[in-house]
N, C-alpha and C. Protein backbone atom coordinates (compact mmCIF):
# COMPACT_ATOMS: atom_id res chain seq x y z
N MET A 1 10.70 -16.11 79.17
CA MET A 1 10.81 -17.54 79.07
C MET A 1 12.26 -17.90 78.78
N ARG A 2 12.73 -18.89 79.44
CA ARG A 2 14.08 -19.40 79.19
C ARG A 2 14.01 -20.64 78.33
N SER A 3 14.93 -20.78 77.46
CA SER A 3 15.00 -22.02 76.70
C SER A 3 16.30 -22.72 77.04
N ARG A 4 16.25 -24.02 77.12
CA ARG A 4 17.43 -24.81 77.43
C ARG A 4 17.70 -25.75 76.29
N ARG A 5 18.92 -25.96 76.06
CA ARG A 5 19.33 -26.89 75.03
C ARG A 5 19.19 -28.31 75.58
N HIS A 6 18.48 -29.16 74.85
CA HIS A 6 18.27 -30.55 75.27
C HIS A 6 18.44 -31.45 74.07
N ASP A 7 19.41 -32.30 74.13
CA ASP A 7 19.69 -33.24 73.04
C ASP A 7 19.89 -32.52 71.70
N GLY A 8 20.57 -31.39 71.73
CA GLY A 8 20.87 -30.69 70.50
C GLY A 8 19.71 -29.89 69.93
N PHE A 9 18.63 -29.76 70.65
CA PHE A 9 17.45 -29.06 70.15
C PHE A 9 17.20 -27.83 71.03
N THR A 10 17.11 -26.69 70.42
CA THR A 10 16.78 -25.48 71.15
C THR A 10 15.41 -25.00 70.72
N PRO A 11 14.43 -25.05 71.63
CA PRO A 11 13.08 -24.63 71.25
C PRO A 11 13.04 -23.12 71.01
N ILE A 12 12.24 -22.72 70.05
CA ILE A 12 12.10 -21.29 69.79
C ILE A 12 10.78 -20.75 70.33
N ALA A 13 9.84 -21.65 70.63
CA ALA A 13 8.57 -21.22 71.20
C ALA A 13 7.94 -22.39 71.93
N VAL A 14 7.15 -22.07 72.90
CA VAL A 14 6.39 -23.08 73.62
C VAL A 14 4.92 -22.77 73.40
N VAL A 15 4.18 -23.76 72.95
CA VAL A 15 2.75 -23.60 72.72
C VAL A 15 2.03 -24.43 73.76
N LEU A 16 1.17 -23.79 74.54
CA LEU A 16 0.39 -24.49 75.53
C LEU A 16 -0.96 -24.84 74.93
N LEU A 17 -1.25 -26.13 74.91
CA LEU A 17 -2.52 -26.61 74.38
C LEU A 17 -3.38 -27.09 75.53
N PRO A 18 -4.70 -26.99 75.40
CA PRO A 18 -5.54 -27.56 76.45
C PRO A 18 -5.36 -29.06 76.51
N THR A 19 -5.67 -29.65 77.66
CA THR A 19 -5.51 -31.09 77.83
C THR A 19 -6.38 -31.85 76.85
N TYR A 20 -7.55 -31.33 76.55
CA TYR A 20 -8.42 -31.97 75.57
C TYR A 20 -8.97 -30.89 74.66
N THR A 21 -9.34 -31.28 73.46
CA THR A 21 -9.93 -30.33 72.53
C THR A 21 -11.22 -30.92 72.00
N LEU A 22 -12.02 -30.11 71.37
CA LEU A 22 -13.30 -30.57 70.86
C LEU A 22 -13.14 -31.63 69.78
N ALA A 23 -12.01 -31.65 69.10
CA ALA A 23 -11.81 -32.60 68.01
C ALA A 23 -11.48 -34.00 68.54
N MET A 24 -11.03 -34.09 69.78
CA MET A 24 -10.64 -35.37 70.33
C MET A 24 -11.81 -36.00 71.07
N VAL A 25 -11.90 -37.31 71.03
CA VAL A 25 -12.90 -38.03 71.80
C VAL A 25 -12.22 -38.54 73.07
N LEU A 26 -12.86 -38.33 74.19
CA LEU A 26 -12.30 -38.77 75.46
C LEU A 26 -12.25 -40.28 75.54
N ALA A 27 -11.28 -40.78 76.29
CA ALA A 27 -11.20 -42.22 76.56
C ALA A 27 -12.38 -42.60 77.45
N ARG A 28 -12.66 -43.87 77.56
CA ARG A 28 -13.76 -44.33 78.41
C ARG A 28 -13.40 -44.27 79.89
N LYS A 29 -12.08 -44.19 80.18
CA LYS A 29 -11.62 -44.09 81.57
C LYS A 29 -10.78 -42.82 81.67
N VAL A 30 -11.20 -41.92 82.56
CA VAL A 30 -10.54 -40.63 82.68
C VAL A 30 -10.12 -40.41 84.12
N VAL A 31 -8.89 -39.92 84.30
CA VAL A 31 -8.41 -39.48 85.61
C VAL A 31 -8.39 -37.96 85.58
N LEU A 32 -9.21 -37.36 86.43
CA LEU A 32 -9.30 -35.90 86.53
C LEU A 32 -8.46 -35.46 87.71
N HIS A 33 -7.56 -34.51 87.48
CA HIS A 33 -6.70 -34.00 88.54
C HIS A 33 -7.40 -32.89 89.30
N SER A 34 -7.34 -32.98 90.61
CA SER A 34 -7.90 -31.98 91.51
C SER A 34 -6.75 -31.28 92.21
N PRO A 35 -6.89 -30.01 92.48
CA PRO A 35 -8.05 -29.16 92.26
C PRO A 35 -8.11 -28.67 90.81
N THR A 36 -9.28 -28.19 90.43
CA THR A 36 -9.43 -27.62 89.09
C THR A 36 -9.11 -26.14 89.17
N SER A 37 -8.63 -25.59 88.09
CA SER A 37 -8.29 -24.16 88.08
C SER A 37 -9.51 -23.29 87.87
N ASP A 38 -10.55 -23.83 87.25
CA ASP A 38 -11.75 -23.05 86.99
C ASP A 38 -12.96 -23.97 87.10
N THR A 39 -13.74 -23.82 88.17
CA THR A 39 -14.89 -24.69 88.36
C THR A 39 -15.96 -24.48 87.31
N ALA A 40 -15.93 -23.36 86.60
CA ALA A 40 -16.91 -23.13 85.53
C ALA A 40 -16.72 -24.14 84.40
N ASP A 41 -15.52 -24.62 84.20
CA ASP A 41 -15.25 -25.61 83.16
C ASP A 41 -15.77 -27.00 83.53
N LEU A 42 -16.01 -27.24 84.81
CA LEU A 42 -16.37 -28.57 85.27
C LEU A 42 -17.68 -29.07 84.66
N ALA A 43 -18.71 -28.26 84.67
CA ALA A 43 -20.02 -28.69 84.17
C ALA A 43 -19.93 -29.08 82.69
N GLY A 44 -19.26 -28.27 81.88
CA GLY A 44 -19.10 -28.59 80.47
C GLY A 44 -18.31 -29.86 80.26
N PHE A 45 -17.28 -30.06 81.07
CA PHE A 45 -16.47 -31.26 80.96
C PHE A 45 -17.30 -32.50 81.32
N VAL A 46 -18.09 -32.42 82.39
CA VAL A 46 -18.92 -33.56 82.80
C VAL A 46 -19.95 -33.88 81.72
N GLU A 47 -20.57 -32.85 81.14
CA GLU A 47 -21.53 -33.09 80.06
C GLU A 47 -20.85 -33.76 78.87
N ARG A 48 -19.63 -33.36 78.61
CA ARG A 48 -18.87 -33.98 77.52
C ARG A 48 -18.58 -35.45 77.83
N CYS A 49 -18.21 -35.74 79.07
CA CYS A 49 -17.98 -37.13 79.48
C CYS A 49 -19.24 -37.96 79.23
N LEU A 50 -20.39 -37.42 79.61
CA LEU A 50 -21.65 -38.15 79.42
C LEU A 50 -21.95 -38.36 77.94
N SER A 51 -21.75 -37.35 77.14
CA SER A 51 -22.10 -37.47 75.71
C SER A 51 -21.13 -38.35 74.93
N GLU A 52 -19.88 -38.47 75.42
CA GLU A 52 -18.89 -39.26 74.70
C GLU A 52 -18.70 -40.67 75.27
N GLY A 53 -19.54 -41.05 76.22
CA GLY A 53 -19.51 -42.42 76.71
C GLY A 53 -18.41 -42.75 77.70
N VAL A 54 -17.92 -41.76 78.43
CA VAL A 54 -16.95 -42.05 79.48
C VAL A 54 -17.66 -42.90 80.53
N LEU A 55 -17.01 -43.97 80.97
CA LEU A 55 -17.63 -44.86 81.95
C LEU A 55 -17.07 -44.67 83.35
N LEU A 56 -15.81 -44.23 83.45
CA LEU A 56 -15.17 -44.04 84.75
C LEU A 56 -14.50 -42.68 84.80
N LEU A 57 -14.81 -41.92 85.84
CA LEU A 57 -14.13 -40.66 86.10
C LEU A 57 -13.52 -40.77 87.49
N ALA A 58 -12.22 -41.05 87.54
CA ALA A 58 -11.49 -41.16 88.80
C ALA A 58 -10.84 -39.81 89.07
N ILE A 59 -11.08 -39.27 90.25
CA ILE A 59 -10.57 -37.94 90.59
C ILE A 59 -9.47 -38.10 91.62
N VAL A 60 -8.32 -37.51 91.34
CA VAL A 60 -7.14 -37.68 92.18
C VAL A 60 -6.63 -36.31 92.62
N GLY A 61 -6.12 -36.26 93.84
CA GLY A 61 -5.50 -35.03 94.33
C GLY A 61 -6.25 -34.42 95.50
N PRO A 62 -5.72 -33.32 96.02
CA PRO A 62 -6.34 -32.65 97.16
C PRO A 62 -7.77 -32.21 96.82
N GLY A 63 -8.70 -32.49 97.72
CA GLY A 63 -10.09 -32.10 97.50
C GLY A 63 -10.84 -32.97 96.53
N ALA A 64 -10.28 -34.14 96.18
CA ALA A 64 -10.92 -35.02 95.20
C ALA A 64 -12.30 -35.46 95.65
N ASP A 65 -12.48 -35.67 96.94
CA ASP A 65 -13.78 -36.11 97.44
C ASP A 65 -14.85 -35.03 97.25
N LYS A 66 -14.49 -33.78 97.48
CA LYS A 66 -15.45 -32.68 97.26
C LYS A 66 -15.74 -32.49 95.78
N LEU A 67 -14.71 -32.62 94.96
CA LEU A 67 -14.90 -32.50 93.51
C LEU A 67 -15.77 -33.63 92.99
N GLU A 68 -15.62 -34.82 93.55
CA GLU A 68 -16.47 -35.95 93.15
C GLU A 68 -17.93 -35.65 93.46
N ASP A 69 -18.19 -35.06 94.62
CA ASP A 69 -19.57 -34.68 94.97
C ASP A 69 -20.14 -33.70 93.95
N GLU A 70 -19.34 -32.71 93.54
CA GLU A 70 -19.79 -31.75 92.53
C GLU A 70 -20.12 -32.44 91.22
N VAL A 71 -19.25 -33.36 90.80
CA VAL A 71 -19.48 -34.10 89.55
C VAL A 71 -20.76 -34.92 89.66
N ASP A 72 -20.94 -35.59 90.79
CA ASP A 72 -22.14 -36.41 90.97
C ASP A 72 -23.42 -35.57 90.86
N TRP A 73 -23.42 -34.38 91.44
CA TRP A 73 -24.60 -33.52 91.36
C TRP A 73 -24.85 -33.05 89.93
N ILE A 74 -23.78 -32.81 89.18
CA ILE A 74 -23.94 -32.42 87.77
C ILE A 74 -24.55 -33.58 86.98
N VAL A 75 -24.06 -34.79 87.25
CA VAL A 75 -24.57 -35.97 86.54
C VAL A 75 -26.04 -36.19 86.86
N VAL A 76 -26.40 -36.14 88.12
CA VAL A 76 -27.78 -36.40 88.53
C VAL A 76 -28.72 -35.31 88.04
N GLY A 77 -28.26 -34.07 88.05
CA GLY A 77 -29.11 -32.96 87.60
C GLY A 77 -30.38 -32.90 88.41
N ASP A 78 -31.51 -32.77 87.75
CA ASP A 78 -32.78 -32.72 88.46
C ASP A 78 -33.36 -34.12 88.70
N GLY A 79 -32.63 -35.15 88.29
CA GLY A 79 -33.05 -36.52 88.54
C GLY A 79 -34.06 -37.07 87.56
N SER A 80 -34.38 -36.32 86.53
CA SER A 80 -35.43 -36.74 85.61
C SER A 80 -34.93 -37.64 84.48
N ASP A 81 -33.62 -37.79 84.32
CA ASP A 81 -33.08 -38.58 83.21
C ASP A 81 -32.25 -39.74 83.74
N PRO A 82 -32.84 -40.93 83.85
CA PRO A 82 -32.11 -42.08 84.40
C PRO A 82 -30.98 -42.58 83.51
N SER A 83 -30.89 -42.10 82.28
CA SER A 83 -29.81 -42.55 81.39
C SER A 83 -28.49 -41.84 81.69
N ARG A 84 -28.55 -40.78 82.49
CA ARG A 84 -27.32 -40.06 82.85
C ARG A 84 -26.59 -40.87 83.92
N PHE A 85 -25.49 -41.51 83.51
CA PHE A 85 -24.72 -42.33 84.44
C PHE A 85 -23.24 -42.16 84.18
N LEU A 86 -22.48 -42.01 85.26
CA LEU A 86 -21.04 -41.93 85.18
C LEU A 86 -20.49 -42.44 86.50
N CYS A 87 -19.71 -43.49 86.46
CA CYS A 87 -19.09 -44.03 87.67
C CYS A 87 -17.97 -43.08 88.08
N THR A 88 -18.04 -42.59 89.33
CA THR A 88 -17.02 -41.68 89.82
C THR A 88 -16.35 -42.27 91.05
N THR A 89 -15.07 -41.97 91.21
CA THR A 89 -14.32 -42.37 92.39
C THR A 89 -13.44 -41.20 92.79
N SER A 90 -13.11 -41.10 94.08
CA SER A 90 -12.21 -40.03 94.53
C SER A 90 -11.03 -40.64 95.27
N HIS A 91 -9.88 -40.03 95.04
CA HIS A 91 -8.62 -40.55 95.58
C HIS A 91 -7.77 -39.37 96.08
N PRO A 92 -8.19 -38.73 97.20
CA PRO A 92 -7.49 -37.53 97.65
C PRO A 92 -6.08 -37.79 98.18
N ASN A 93 -5.83 -38.97 98.71
CA ASN A 93 -4.53 -39.23 99.34
C ASN A 93 -3.79 -40.41 98.73
N GLU A 94 -4.12 -40.74 97.48
CA GLU A 94 -3.48 -41.88 96.85
C GLU A 94 -2.50 -41.42 95.78
N PRO A 95 -1.42 -42.16 95.59
CA PRO A 95 -0.48 -41.81 94.53
C PRO A 95 -1.13 -41.93 93.15
N LEU A 96 -0.76 -41.05 92.26
CA LEU A 96 -1.30 -41.04 90.90
C LEU A 96 -1.14 -42.40 90.23
N GLU A 97 0.01 -43.04 90.41
CA GLU A 97 0.26 -44.33 89.78
C GLU A 97 -0.77 -45.38 90.22
N ASP A 98 -1.17 -45.35 91.50
CA ASP A 98 -2.17 -46.29 92.00
C ASP A 98 -3.54 -46.03 91.38
N VAL A 99 -3.88 -44.77 91.23
CA VAL A 99 -5.17 -44.41 90.64
C VAL A 99 -5.22 -44.81 89.18
N ILE A 100 -4.14 -44.58 88.46
CA ILE A 100 -4.07 -44.99 87.06
C ILE A 100 -4.15 -46.52 86.96
N GLY A 101 -3.50 -47.22 87.87
CA GLY A 101 -3.57 -48.69 87.89
C GLY A 101 -4.99 -49.18 88.13
N MET A 102 -5.71 -48.53 89.05
CA MET A 102 -7.09 -48.90 89.30
C MET A 102 -7.94 -48.63 88.06
N ALA A 103 -7.73 -47.49 87.43
CA ALA A 103 -8.49 -47.15 86.23
C ALA A 103 -8.19 -48.13 85.10
N ASN A 104 -6.95 -48.53 84.95
CA ASN A 104 -6.60 -49.53 83.93
C ASN A 104 -7.30 -50.85 84.18
N ALA A 105 -7.48 -51.22 85.45
CA ALA A 105 -8.13 -52.48 85.79
C ALA A 105 -9.64 -52.43 85.60
N PHE A 106 -10.20 -51.24 85.55
CA PHE A 106 -11.65 -51.06 85.37
C PHE A 106 -12.02 -51.50 83.96
N ASP A 107 -12.98 -52.40 83.85
CA ASP A 107 -13.37 -52.93 82.54
C ASP A 107 -14.31 -51.95 81.85
N ALA A 108 -13.80 -51.28 80.84
CA ALA A 108 -14.61 -50.30 80.11
C ALA A 108 -14.61 -50.57 78.62
N GLY A 109 -14.22 -51.76 78.23
CA GLY A 109 -14.26 -52.09 76.81
C GLY A 109 -13.04 -51.65 76.05
N ARG A 110 -13.05 -50.45 75.55
CA ARG A 110 -11.97 -50.00 74.66
C ARG A 110 -11.09 -48.93 75.33
N GLY A 111 -9.89 -48.82 74.82
CA GLY A 111 -9.02 -47.71 75.16
C GLY A 111 -8.34 -47.79 76.51
N GLY A 112 -7.46 -46.83 76.69
CA GLY A 112 -6.69 -46.74 77.92
C GLY A 112 -7.27 -45.69 78.84
N VAL A 113 -6.38 -45.12 79.65
CA VAL A 113 -6.76 -44.11 80.62
C VAL A 113 -6.24 -42.76 80.14
N GLU A 114 -7.08 -41.76 80.22
CA GLU A 114 -6.71 -40.40 79.83
C GLU A 114 -6.68 -39.52 81.08
N GLN A 115 -5.65 -38.70 81.21
CA GLN A 115 -5.55 -37.76 82.31
C GLN A 115 -6.00 -36.38 81.84
N VAL A 116 -6.80 -35.71 82.69
CA VAL A 116 -7.34 -34.39 82.34
C VAL A 116 -7.04 -33.42 83.46
N PHE A 117 -6.60 -32.22 83.09
CA PHE A 117 -6.39 -31.12 84.02
C PHE A 117 -7.32 -30.00 83.58
N LEU A 118 -8.19 -29.54 84.46
CA LEU A 118 -9.08 -28.41 84.14
C LEU A 118 -8.58 -27.17 84.82
């Protein structure tokens, strides 16, 4: 690892943290970046979105439309629980700034937009 001096500060270590942790509550509007590095994480993340009241999951990047289909199938499950609802959108060819702007305009009550990388 190389360290560079920036504004008089020389880092001695870099700590990589996950985008979200169990201690944090997700925002009601989430932008998920596609592609995901591990599809095994997707089901747990979607269940977390459902349990924490996420209302919008906007997926941006290459393959966003396919990833949205996967998320929708996880949400629907076997179809026996009508309370499982999550509004999903896919934006495979749109700039990130436009997707964040759309998410900001989505009326979800509280909070801003959170970006997630899996």
